[in-house]
Amino acid sequence: MRKAPTKMSASRALYTLDRAMQERLLDRAFGAQHLQRALDYFTHAGVEGCIYCGHKLVERWDHLIPVSAGGGTVVGNMVPACQPCDDSKGAKDYRRWLAGPAKKNPVRGKPEVYAAVVARVEAYQCHFGYVAPADFRAALDATQVAQYEAFLRVVSEFRSRLAQFGLVTVPLSEVEAEQEQQV
């Protein structure tokens, strides 16, 4: 075994709860028929394996535009990815991750490969008419925004209570949450 099991921290649990609420509020239309449409597209386009690195062992479907930025679980935003690429990308926009210095970034320092991957992704999004929202809240209607704000108030109150017990200190930043997720 490569790693010892990790324990769930209260901060990580709150982050996971927030992610679950975000996913619940966003568009979700990625059942068996949608998955098959995406697979058919990739087969026809000659994309075999991970969309980022081409690795044949694809274990996951990745959100190109992360849930935290309003990326729904829909055709046009979900792509096949290997575990190393998906973990490395985390909750980043695929362009930001591919352009960055991440150790497991398969195109790091290879501008021609970066351009090819981005072109492949953009062709997929265009084929299915996927347009990324400006941000998470822009992907919601007014009722959903109100629900999410009410949820955040409850979580904030709960976080304060957890802090009284010494279980959390300060809210996790996006960077801290990504780092904890990769541990």
N, C-alpha and C. Protein backbone atom coordinates (compact mmCIF):
# COMPACT_ATOMS: atom_id res chain seq x y z
N MET A 1 0.84 -1.18 0.00
CA MET A 1 0.00 0.00 0.00
C MET A 1 0.88 1.24 0.00
N ARG A 2 0.46 2.22 -0.77
CA ARG A 2 1.28 3.41 -0.93
C ARG A 2 1.10 4.43 0.18
N LYS A 3 -0.13 4.58 0.69
CA LYS A 3 -0.38 5.64 1.67
C LYS A 3 -1.12 5.08 2.88
N ALA A 4 -0.85 5.69 3.99
CA ALA A 4 -1.63 5.38 5.18
C ALA A 4 -2.97 6.10 5.07
N PRO A 5 -4.00 5.54 5.67
CA PRO A 5 -5.30 6.22 5.61
C PRO A 5 -5.24 7.58 6.30
N THR A 6 -5.99 8.52 5.77
CA THR A 6 -6.05 9.83 6.40
C THR A 6 -7.36 9.98 7.13
N LYS A 7 -7.37 10.81 8.14
CA LYS A 7 -8.63 11.02 8.84
C LYS A 7 -9.26 12.32 8.36
N MET A 8 -10.56 12.36 8.45
CA MET A 8 -11.34 13.51 8.01
C MET A 8 -11.27 14.59 9.09
N SER A 9 -10.85 15.79 8.69
CA SER A 9 -10.85 16.90 9.62
C SER A 9 -12.21 17.60 9.54
N ALA A 10 -12.55 18.36 10.56
CA ALA A 10 -13.80 19.11 10.55
C ALA A 10 -13.81 20.11 9.40
N SER A 11 -12.68 20.75 9.15
CA SER A 11 -12.60 21.71 8.04
C SER A 11 -12.84 21.02 6.71
N ARG A 12 -12.26 19.84 6.53
CA ARG A 12 -12.46 19.07 5.30
C ARG A 12 -13.91 18.65 5.16
N ALA A 13 -14.53 18.26 6.25
CA ALA A 13 -15.95 17.86 6.22
C ALA A 13 -16.83 19.04 5.79
N LEU A 14 -16.53 20.23 6.28
CA LEU A 14 -17.30 21.41 5.89
C LEU A 14 -17.10 21.74 4.42
N TYR A 15 -15.87 21.59 3.96
CA TYR A 15 -15.58 21.81 2.54
C TYR A 15 -16.36 20.82 1.68
N THR A 16 -16.38 19.55 2.09
CA THR A 16 -17.10 18.51 1.36
C THR A 16 -18.60 18.77 1.37
N LEU A 17 -19.12 19.22 2.48
CA LEU A 17 -20.54 19.56 2.57
C LEU A 17 -20.88 20.71 1.62
N ASP A 18 -20.02 21.72 1.56
CA ASP A 18 -20.23 22.84 0.65
C ASP A 18 -20.21 22.35 -0.80
N ARG A 19 -19.28 21.50 -1.13
CA ARG A 19 -19.19 20.95 -2.49
C ARG A 19 -20.46 20.18 -2.83
N ALA A 20 -20.97 19.39 -1.89
CA ALA A 20 -22.20 18.62 -2.13
C ALA A 20 -23.38 19.56 -2.39
N MET A 21 -23.47 20.64 -1.65
CA MET A 21 -24.56 21.60 -1.87
C MET A 21 -24.41 22.28 -3.22
N GLN A 22 -23.19 22.65 -3.59
CA GLN A 22 -22.97 23.27 -4.89
C GLN A 22 -23.39 22.32 -6.01
N GLU A 23 -22.99 21.05 -5.91
CA GLU A 23 -23.37 20.08 -6.94
C GLU A 23 -24.87 19.89 -7.01
N ARG A 24 -25.54 19.92 -5.87
CA ARG A 24 -26.99 19.75 -5.86
C ARG A 24 -27.68 20.90 -6.57
N LEU A 25 -27.16 22.10 -6.42
CA LEU A 25 -27.80 23.27 -7.01
C LEU A 25 -27.52 23.42 -8.51
N LEU A 26 -26.39 22.92 -8.97
CA LEU A 26 -26.02 23.07 -10.38
C LEU A 26 -26.73 22.06 -11.26
N ASP A 27 -26.70 22.33 -12.58
CA ASP A 27 -27.27 21.41 -13.55
C ASP A 27 -26.60 20.05 -13.41
N ARG A 28 -27.43 19.03 -13.47
CA ARG A 28 -26.90 17.67 -13.42
C ARG A 28 -27.70 16.84 -14.42
N ALA A 29 -27.10 16.57 -15.54
CA ALA A 29 -27.72 15.73 -16.56
C ALA A 29 -26.62 14.90 -17.19
N PHE A 30 -26.14 13.92 -16.44
CA PHE A 30 -25.05 13.10 -16.93
C PHE A 30 -25.30 11.64 -16.55
N GLY A 31 -26.45 11.15 -17.00
CA GLY A 31 -26.79 9.76 -16.78
C GLY A 31 -26.16 8.88 -17.84
N ALA A 32 -26.62 7.63 -17.92
CA ALA A 32 -26.04 6.66 -18.84
C ALA A 32 -26.09 7.12 -20.29
N GLN A 33 -27.20 7.72 -20.72
CA GLN A 33 -27.30 8.15 -22.12
C GLN A 33 -26.36 9.31 -22.41
N HIS A 34 -26.17 10.21 -21.44
CA HIS A 34 -25.26 11.34 -21.63
C HIS A 34 -23.82 10.87 -21.66
N LEU A 35 -23.52 9.96 -20.76
CA LEU A 35 -22.18 9.39 -20.72
C LEU A 35 -21.86 8.72 -22.05
N GLN A 36 -22.83 8.00 -22.60
CA GLN A 36 -22.61 7.33 -23.88
C GLN A 36 -22.40 8.33 -25.01
N ARG A 37 -23.17 9.43 -25.00
CA ARG A 37 -22.99 10.47 -26.02
C ARG A 37 -21.58 11.05 -25.95
N ALA A 38 -21.09 11.28 -24.73
CA ALA A 38 -19.73 11.81 -24.57
C ALA A 38 -18.71 10.79 -25.07
N LEU A 39 -18.87 9.54 -24.68
CA LEU A 39 -17.94 8.51 -25.12
C LEU A 39 -17.95 8.38 -26.64
N ASP A 40 -19.14 8.42 -27.25
CA ASP A 40 -19.24 8.36 -28.71
C ASP A 40 -18.49 9.53 -29.35
N TYR A 41 -18.65 10.71 -28.76
CA TYR A 41 -17.95 11.89 -29.29
C TYR A 41 -16.44 11.66 -29.25
N PHE A 42 -15.94 11.24 -28.10
CA PHE A 42 -14.49 11.07 -27.96
C PHE A 42 -13.96 9.98 -28.90
N THR A 43 -14.71 8.91 -29.05
CA THR A 43 -14.31 7.85 -29.97
C THR A 43 -14.23 8.40 -31.40
N HIS A 44 -15.27 9.11 -31.82
CA HIS A 44 -15.32 9.68 -33.17
C HIS A 44 -14.20 10.71 -33.38
N ALA A 45 -13.88 11.47 -32.32
CA ALA A 45 -12.84 12.49 -32.42
C ALA A 45 -11.43 11.91 -32.29
N GLY A 46 -11.34 10.62 -32.02
CA GLY A 46 -10.02 9.98 -31.92
C GLY A 46 -9.33 10.21 -30.58
N VAL A 47 -10.11 10.57 -29.57
CA VAL A 47 -9.54 10.78 -28.24
C VAL A 47 -9.69 9.47 -27.47
N GLU A 48 -8.57 8.83 -27.21
CA GLU A 48 -8.58 7.58 -26.46
C GLU A 48 -7.90 7.81 -25.14
N GLY A 49 -8.58 7.48 -24.07
CA GLY A 49 -8.00 7.64 -22.75
C GLY A 49 -8.23 9.02 -22.16
N CYS A 50 -7.33 9.40 -21.29
CA CYS A 50 -7.42 10.69 -20.58
C CYS A 50 -7.34 11.84 -21.57
N ILE A 51 -8.26 12.76 -21.47
CA ILE A 51 -8.26 13.89 -22.41
C ILE A 51 -7.03 14.77 -22.24
N TYR A 52 -6.43 14.76 -21.07
CA TYR A 52 -5.29 15.63 -20.81
C TYR A 52 -3.96 15.00 -21.24
N CYS A 53 -3.76 13.72 -20.88
CA CYS A 53 -2.44 13.11 -21.14
C CYS A 53 -2.48 11.91 -22.07
N GLY A 54 -3.68 11.41 -22.36
CA GLY A 54 -3.81 10.27 -23.25
C GLY A 54 -3.62 8.91 -22.58
N HIS A 55 -3.38 8.90 -21.26
CA HIS A 55 -3.20 7.64 -20.56
C HIS A 55 -4.43 6.76 -20.79
N LYS A 56 -4.20 5.48 -21.06
CA LYS A 56 -5.29 4.57 -21.41
C LYS A 56 -6.18 4.20 -20.21
N LEU A 57 -5.63 4.23 -19.01
CA LEU A 57 -6.41 3.87 -17.82
C LEU A 57 -7.19 5.10 -17.34
N VAL A 58 -8.44 5.19 -17.78
CA VAL A 58 -9.31 6.30 -17.40
C VAL A 58 -10.22 5.80 -16.28
N GLU A 59 -10.13 6.46 -15.14
CA GLU A 59 -10.87 6.02 -13.97
C GLU A 59 -11.96 6.99 -13.54
N ARG A 60 -11.97 8.17 -14.13
CA ARG A 60 -12.87 9.21 -13.62
C ARG A 60 -13.43 10.07 -14.74
N TRP A 61 -14.48 10.79 -14.40
CA TRP A 61 -15.00 11.86 -15.24
C TRP A 61 -14.70 13.15 -14.50
N ASP A 62 -14.02 14.06 -15.17
CA ASP A 62 -13.58 15.32 -14.58
C ASP A 62 -14.45 16.47 -15.06
N HIS A 63 -14.72 17.42 -14.17
CA HIS A 63 -15.38 18.67 -14.54
C HIS A 63 -14.31 19.59 -15.13
N LEU A 64 -14.44 19.95 -16.41
CA LEU A 64 -13.50 20.91 -17.01
C LEU A 64 -13.56 22.23 -16.25
N ILE A 65 -14.75 22.76 -16.13
CA ILE A 65 -14.99 23.95 -15.31
C ILE A 65 -15.44 23.40 -13.95
N PRO A 66 -14.70 23.68 -12.90
CA PRO A 66 -15.01 23.05 -11.61
C PRO A 66 -16.38 23.45 -11.06
N VAL A 67 -16.91 22.61 -10.23
CA VAL A 67 -18.18 22.87 -9.58
C VAL A 67 -18.14 24.22 -8.86
N SER A 68 -17.04 24.52 -8.20
CA SER A 68 -16.92 25.77 -7.45
C SER A 68 -16.99 27.01 -8.33
N ALA A 69 -16.80 26.82 -9.64
CA ALA A 69 -16.90 27.94 -10.60
C ALA A 69 -18.19 27.85 -11.41
N GLY A 70 -19.10 26.96 -11.01
CA GLY A 70 -20.39 26.85 -11.68
C GLY A 70 -20.46 25.79 -12.75
N GLY A 71 -19.43 24.97 -12.86
CA GLY A 71 -19.42 23.91 -13.87
C GLY A 71 -20.34 22.77 -13.49
N GLY A 72 -21.39 22.59 -14.27
CA GLY A 72 -22.35 21.54 -14.00
C GLY A 72 -21.84 20.17 -14.40
N THR A 73 -22.56 19.16 -13.95
CA THR A 73 -22.25 17.78 -14.30
C THR A 73 -23.09 17.46 -15.54
N VAL A 74 -22.62 17.95 -16.67
CA VAL A 74 -23.36 17.85 -17.94
C VAL A 74 -22.39 17.54 -19.08
N VAL A 75 -22.97 16.99 -20.16
CA VAL A 75 -22.18 16.75 -21.36
C VAL A 75 -21.63 18.09 -21.83
N GLY A 76 -20.37 18.11 -22.18
CA GLY A 76 -19.71 19.35 -22.58
C GLY A 76 -18.81 19.88 -21.47
N ASN A 77 -19.07 19.44 -20.24
CA ASN A 77 -18.20 19.84 -19.13
C ASN A 77 -17.55 18.64 -18.45
N MET A 78 -17.99 17.44 -18.77
CA MET A 78 -17.44 16.23 -18.17
C MET A 78 -16.55 15.51 -19.18
N VAL A 79 -15.32 15.22 -18.79
CA VAL A 79 -14.37 14.57 -19.68
C VAL A 79 -13.70 13.39 -18.98
N PRO A 80 -13.28 12.38 -19.77
CA PRO A 80 -12.56 11.26 -19.16
C PRO A 80 -11.17 11.70 -18.72
N ALA A 81 -10.79 11.28 -17.53
CA ALA A 81 -9.48 11.67 -17.00
C ALA A 81 -8.89 10.52 -16.19
N CYS A 82 -7.58 10.43 -16.23
CA CYS A 82 -6.90 9.45 -15.39
C CYS A 82 -6.82 10.03 -13.97
N GLN A 83 -6.56 9.18 -13.03
CA GLN A 83 -6.50 9.61 -11.63
C GLN A 83 -5.41 10.65 -11.38
N PRO A 84 -4.17 10.48 -11.90
CA PRO A 84 -3.16 11.49 -11.62
C PRO A 84 -3.53 12.88 -12.16
N CYS A 85 -4.08 12.94 -13.38
CA CYS A 85 -4.46 14.25 -13.93
C CYS A 85 -5.62 14.85 -13.15
N ASP A 86 -6.63 14.04 -12.83
CA ASP A 86 -7.79 14.54 -12.10
C ASP A 86 -7.37 15.06 -10.72
N ASP A 87 -6.55 14.30 -10.02
CA ASP A 87 -6.09 14.75 -8.70
C ASP A 87 -5.25 16.01 -8.80
N SER A 88 -4.37 16.07 -9.78
CA SER A 88 -3.50 17.23 -9.94
C SER A 88 -4.31 18.48 -10.27
N LYS A 89 -5.29 18.33 -11.15
CA LYS A 89 -6.12 19.47 -11.56
C LYS A 89 -6.96 19.97 -10.40
N GLY A 90 -7.49 19.06 -9.60
CA GLY A 90 -8.31 19.46 -8.46
C GLY A 90 -9.48 20.33 -8.88
N ALA A 91 -9.69 21.41 -8.16
CA ALA A 91 -10.82 22.31 -8.40
C ALA A 91 -10.41 23.52 -9.24
N LYS A 92 -9.45 23.31 -10.12
CA LYS A 92 -9.01 24.41 -10.99
C LYS A 92 -9.68 24.31 -12.35
N ASP A 93 -9.84 25.44 -13.01
CA ASP A 93 -10.26 25.47 -14.40
C ASP A 93 -9.16 24.76 -15.20
N TYR A 94 -9.55 23.97 -16.18
CA TYR A 94 -8.56 23.17 -16.92
C TYR A 94 -7.49 24.05 -17.57
N ARG A 95 -7.85 25.23 -18.06
CA ARG A 95 -6.85 26.11 -18.71
C ARG A 95 -5.82 26.58 -17.70
N ARG A 96 -6.30 26.98 -16.54
CA ARG A 96 -5.39 27.47 -15.49
C ARG A 96 -4.45 26.36 -15.04
N TRP A 97 -4.98 25.16 -14.88
CA TRP A 97 -4.14 24.03 -14.47
C TRP A 97 -3.11 23.69 -15.54
N LEU A 98 -3.56 23.59 -16.80
CA LEU A 98 -2.63 23.24 -17.88
C LEU A 98 -1.54 24.29 -18.08
N ALA A 99 -1.85 25.54 -17.80
CA ALA A 99 -0.87 26.61 -17.96
C ALA A 99 0.04 26.75 -16.74
N GLY A 100 -0.29 26.03 -15.67
CA GLY A 100 0.44 26.21 -14.42
C GLY A 100 1.59 25.23 -14.23
N PRO A 101 2.21 25.31 -13.04
CA PRO A 101 3.42 24.53 -12.77
C PRO A 101 3.20 23.19 -12.06
N ALA A 102 1.96 22.72 -11.97
CA ALA A 102 1.69 21.49 -11.21
C ALA A 102 2.61 20.34 -11.65
N LYS A 103 3.09 19.60 -10.69
CA LYS A 103 4.03 18.50 -10.95
C LYS A 103 3.44 17.47 -11.92
N LYS A 104 2.17 17.15 -11.78
CA LYS A 104 1.53 16.13 -12.64
C LYS A 104 0.85 16.73 -13.86
N ASN A 105 1.14 17.97 -14.19
CA ASN A 105 0.57 18.62 -15.37
C ASN A 105 1.26 18.02 -16.60
N PRO A 106 0.50 17.31 -17.46
CA PRO A 106 1.13 16.61 -18.58
C PRO A 106 1.64 17.51 -19.70
N VAL A 107 1.28 18.78 -19.71
CA VAL A 107 1.73 19.67 -20.78
C VAL A 107 2.68 20.75 -20.28
N ARG A 108 3.08 20.67 -19.03
CA ARG A 108 3.96 21.69 -18.45
C ARG A 108 5.22 21.86 -19.30
N GLY A 109 5.45 23.08 -19.73
CA GLY A 109 6.63 23.38 -20.53
C GLY A 109 6.53 22.93 -21.98
N LYS A 110 5.33 22.57 -22.42
CA LYS A 110 5.14 22.10 -23.80
C LYS A 110 4.01 22.89 -24.45
N PRO A 111 4.27 24.10 -24.92
CA PRO A 111 3.20 24.95 -25.44
C PRO A 111 2.42 24.34 -26.60
N GLU A 112 3.08 23.55 -27.43
CA GLU A 112 2.37 22.94 -28.57
C GLU A 112 1.38 21.87 -28.08
N VAL A 113 1.74 21.15 -27.03
CA VAL A 113 0.83 20.15 -26.47
C VAL A 113 -0.31 20.85 -25.74
N TYR A 114 0.01 21.92 -25.01
CA TYR A 114 -1.03 22.73 -24.34
C TYR A 114 -2.07 23.16 -25.37
N ALA A 115 -1.63 23.72 -26.48
CA ALA A 115 -2.55 24.21 -27.52
C ALA A 115 -3.41 23.07 -28.06
N ALA A 116 -2.83 21.89 -28.24
CA ALA A 116 -3.58 20.75 -28.76
C ALA A 116 -4.65 20.28 -27.78
N VAL A 117 -4.30 20.21 -26.50
CA VAL A 117 -5.27 19.78 -25.48
C VAL A 117 -6.41 20.79 -25.38
N VAL A 118 -6.08 22.07 -25.33
CA VAL A 118 -7.11 23.11 -25.24
C VAL A 118 -8.01 23.07 -26.47
N ALA A 119 -7.44 22.89 -27.65
CA ALA A 119 -8.25 22.80 -28.87
C ALA A 119 -9.18 21.60 -28.82
N ARG A 120 -8.68 20.47 -28.31
CA ARG A 120 -9.49 19.26 -28.17
C ARG A 120 -10.66 19.50 -27.22
N VAL A 121 -10.39 20.13 -26.10
CA VAL A 121 -11.42 20.42 -25.11
C VAL A 121 -12.43 21.41 -25.68
N GLU A 122 -11.96 22.47 -26.30
CA GLU A 122 -12.88 23.48 -26.84
C GLU A 122 -13.77 22.91 -27.94
N ALA A 123 -13.24 22.00 -28.75
CA ALA A 123 -14.05 21.35 -29.80
C ALA A 123 -15.16 20.53 -29.15
N TYR A 124 -14.85 19.84 -28.08
CA TYR A 124 -15.84 19.04 -27.35
C TYR A 124 -16.92 19.95 -26.78
N GLN A 125 -16.50 21.01 -26.09
CA GLN A 125 -17.49 21.92 -25.51
C GLN A 125 -18.37 22.54 -26.59
N CYS A 126 -17.78 22.94 -27.67
CA CYS A 126 -18.52 23.54 -28.78
C CYS A 126 -19.51 22.54 -29.37
N HIS A 127 -19.08 21.31 -29.55
CA HIS A 127 -19.94 20.27 -30.13
C HIS A 127 -21.23 20.12 -29.34
N PHE A 128 -21.14 20.20 -28.02
CA PHE A 128 -22.32 20.03 -27.17
C PHE A 128 -22.92 21.37 -26.73
N GLY A 129 -22.39 22.47 -27.25
CA GLY A 129 -22.95 23.79 -26.94
C GLY A 129 -22.76 24.21 -25.49
N TYR A 130 -21.71 23.71 -24.85
CA TYR A 130 -21.47 24.06 -23.45
C TYR A 130 -20.81 25.43 -23.36
N VAL A 131 -21.41 26.30 -22.57
CA VAL A 131 -20.85 27.62 -22.31
C VAL A 131 -20.68 27.74 -20.80
N ALA A 132 -19.46 27.97 -20.39
CA ALA A 132 -19.17 28.06 -18.96
C ALA A 132 -19.78 29.33 -18.37
N PRO A 133 -20.36 29.23 -17.18
CA PRO A 133 -20.88 30.43 -16.51
C PRO A 133 -19.73 31.32 -16.04
N ALA A 134 -20.04 32.56 -15.75
CA ALA A 134 -19.03 33.50 -15.27
C ALA A 134 -18.46 33.07 -13.92
N ASP A 135 -19.31 32.49 -13.08
CA ASP A 135 -18.89 32.00 -11.77
C ASP A 135 -20.01 31.12 -11.21
N PHE A 136 -19.84 30.61 -10.01
CA PHE A 136 -20.81 29.69 -9.43
C PHE A 136 -22.20 30.31 -9.33
N ARG A 137 -22.30 31.49 -8.77
CA ARG A 137 -23.62 32.10 -8.58
C ARG A 137 -24.30 32.44 -9.90
N ALA A 138 -23.52 32.74 -10.93
CA ALA A 138 -24.11 33.05 -12.24
C ALA A 138 -24.79 31.82 -12.85
N ALA A 139 -24.43 30.64 -12.37
CA ALA A 139 -25.03 29.40 -12.87
C ALA A 139 -26.36 29.09 -12.19
N LEU A 140 -26.72 29.87 -11.18
CA LEU A 140 -27.92 29.61 -10.40
C LEU A 140 -29.02 30.61 -10.72
N ASP A 141 -30.26 30.20 -10.46
CA ASP A 141 -31.36 31.17 -10.56
C ASP A 141 -31.51 31.85 -9.19
N ALA A 142 -32.39 32.82 -9.09
CA ALA A 142 -32.52 33.61 -7.86
C ALA A 142 -32.89 32.75 -6.66
N THR A 143 -33.75 31.78 -6.85
CA THR A 143 -34.16 30.90 -5.74
C THR A 143 -32.96 30.08 -5.26
N GLN A 144 -32.19 29.57 -6.18
CA GLN A 144 -31.02 28.77 -5.82
C GLN A 144 -29.97 29.61 -5.10
N VAL A 145 -29.79 30.85 -5.54
CA VAL A 145 -28.84 31.74 -4.85
C VAL A 145 -29.29 31.95 -3.41
N ALA A 146 -30.59 32.18 -3.21
CA ALA A 146 -31.12 32.36 -1.85
C ALA A 146 -30.91 31.10 -1.01
N GLN A 147 -31.13 29.93 -1.61
CA GLN A 147 -30.92 28.67 -0.89
C GLN A 147 -29.45 28.52 -0.49
N TYR A 148 -28.56 28.84 -1.41
CA TYR A 148 -27.14 28.69 -1.14
C TYR A 148 -26.69 29.67 -0.05
N GLU A 149 -27.17 30.89 -0.11
CA GLU A 149 -26.81 31.87 0.92
C GLU A 149 -27.32 31.45 2.29
N ALA A 150 -28.54 30.89 2.36
CA ALA A 150 -29.07 30.38 3.63
C ALA A 150 -28.21 29.23 4.14
N PHE A 151 -27.82 28.35 3.23
CA PHE A 151 -26.95 27.23 3.58
C PHE A 151 -25.62 27.75 4.14
N LEU A 152 -25.03 28.75 3.49
CA LEU A 152 -23.75 29.30 3.96
C LEU A 152 -23.87 29.91 5.35
N ARG A 153 -25.00 30.54 5.63
CA ARG A 153 -25.21 31.11 6.98
C ARG A 153 -25.22 29.99 8.03
N VAL A 154 -25.92 28.91 7.74
CA VAL A 154 -25.99 27.78 8.67
C VAL A 154 -24.60 27.17 8.86
N VAL A 155 -23.86 27.00 7.79
CA VAL A 155 -22.51 26.43 7.89
C VAL A 155 -21.60 27.36 8.69
N SER A 156 -21.73 28.66 8.49
CA SER A 156 -20.92 29.63 9.23
C SER A 156 -21.21 29.54 10.73
N GLU A 157 -22.49 29.43 11.09
CA GLU A 157 -22.85 29.28 12.50
C GLU A 157 -22.28 27.97 13.07
N PHE A 158 -22.38 26.90 12.28
CA PHE A 158 -21.86 25.61 12.71
C PHE A 158 -20.34 25.67 12.87
N ARG A 159 -19.67 26.34 11.93
CA ARG A 159 -18.22 26.50 12.00
C ARG A 159 -17.83 27.22 13.29
N SER A 160 -18.59 28.24 13.66
CA SER A 160 -18.32 28.97 14.91
C SER A 160 -18.42 28.04 16.11
N ARG A 161 -19.43 27.19 16.10
CA ARG A 161 -19.58 26.23 17.20
C ARG A 161 -18.41 25.25 17.24
N LEU A 162 -18.01 24.77 16.06
CA LEU A 162 -16.87 23.85 16.00
C LEU A 162 -15.60 24.53 16.51
N ALA A 163 -15.45 25.81 16.22
CA ALA A 163 -14.28 26.56 16.69
C ALA A 163 -14.27 26.63 18.22
N GLN A 164 -15.44 26.71 18.82
CA GLN A 164 -15.51 26.73 20.29
C GLN A 164 -14.96 25.43 20.89
N PHE A 165 -15.09 24.34 20.16
CA PHE A 165 -14.57 23.05 20.62
C PHE A 165 -13.13 22.83 20.18
N GLY A 166 -12.58 23.79 19.46
CA GLY A 166 -11.21 23.66 18.98
C GLY A 166 -11.05 22.73 17.79
N LEU A 167 -12.14 22.45 17.08
CA LEU A 167 -12.10 21.53 15.95
C LEU A 167 -11.75 22.21 14.63
N VAL A 168 -11.98 23.50 14.54
CA VAL A 168 -11.58 24.28 13.37
C VAL A 168 -11.00 25.59 13.86
N THR A 169 -10.19 26.19 13.03
CA THR A 169 -9.64 27.49 13.40
C THR A 169 -10.24 28.55 12.50
N VAL A 170 -9.74 28.67 11.31
CA VAL A 170 -10.25 29.66 10.37
C VAL A 170 -10.83 28.94 9.16
N PRO A 171 -11.66 29.60 8.40
CA PRO A 171 -12.19 28.94 7.19
C PRO A 171 -11.07 28.52 6.26
N LEU A 172 -11.26 27.37 5.62
CA LEU A 172 -10.29 26.91 4.63
C LEU A 172 -10.35 27.79 3.40
N SER A 173 -9.21 28.24 2.96
CA SER A 173 -9.18 28.94 1.68
C SER A 173 -9.27 27.91 0.57
N GLU A 174 -9.54 28.34 -0.64
CA GLU A 174 -9.62 27.40 -1.79
C GLU A 174 -8.30 26.66 -1.94
N VAL A 175 -7.18 27.35 -1.75
CA VAL A 175 -5.87 26.72 -1.89
C VAL A 175 -5.67 25.66 -0.82
N GLU A 176 -6.03 25.98 0.44
CA GLU A 176 -5.88 25.00 1.51
C GLU A 176 -6.75 23.78 1.27
N ALA A 177 -7.96 24.00 0.78
CA ALA A 177 -8.87 22.89 0.50
C ALA A 177 -8.29 21.99 -0.58
N GLU A 178 -7.73 22.58 -1.62
CA GLU A 178 -7.12 21.80 -2.69
C GLU A 178 -5.93 21.00 -2.16
N GLN A 179 -5.12 21.64 -1.31
CA GLN A 179 -3.95 20.95 -0.77
C GLN A 179 -4.38 19.79 0.12
N GLU A 180 -5.41 20.00 0.95
CA GLU A 180 -5.88 18.95 1.81
C GLU A 180 -6.49 17.81 1.01
N GLN A 181 -7.15 18.15 -0.10
CA GLN A 181 -7.77 17.14 -0.97
C GLN A 181 -6.70 16.25 -1.58
N GLN A 182 -5.53 16.78 -1.87
CA GLN A 182 -4.47 16.02 -2.54
C GLN A 182 -3.62 15.21 -1.59
N VAL A 183 -3.84 15.35 -0.30
CA VAL A 183 -3.05 14.61 0.70
C VAL A 183 -3.50 13.17 0.73
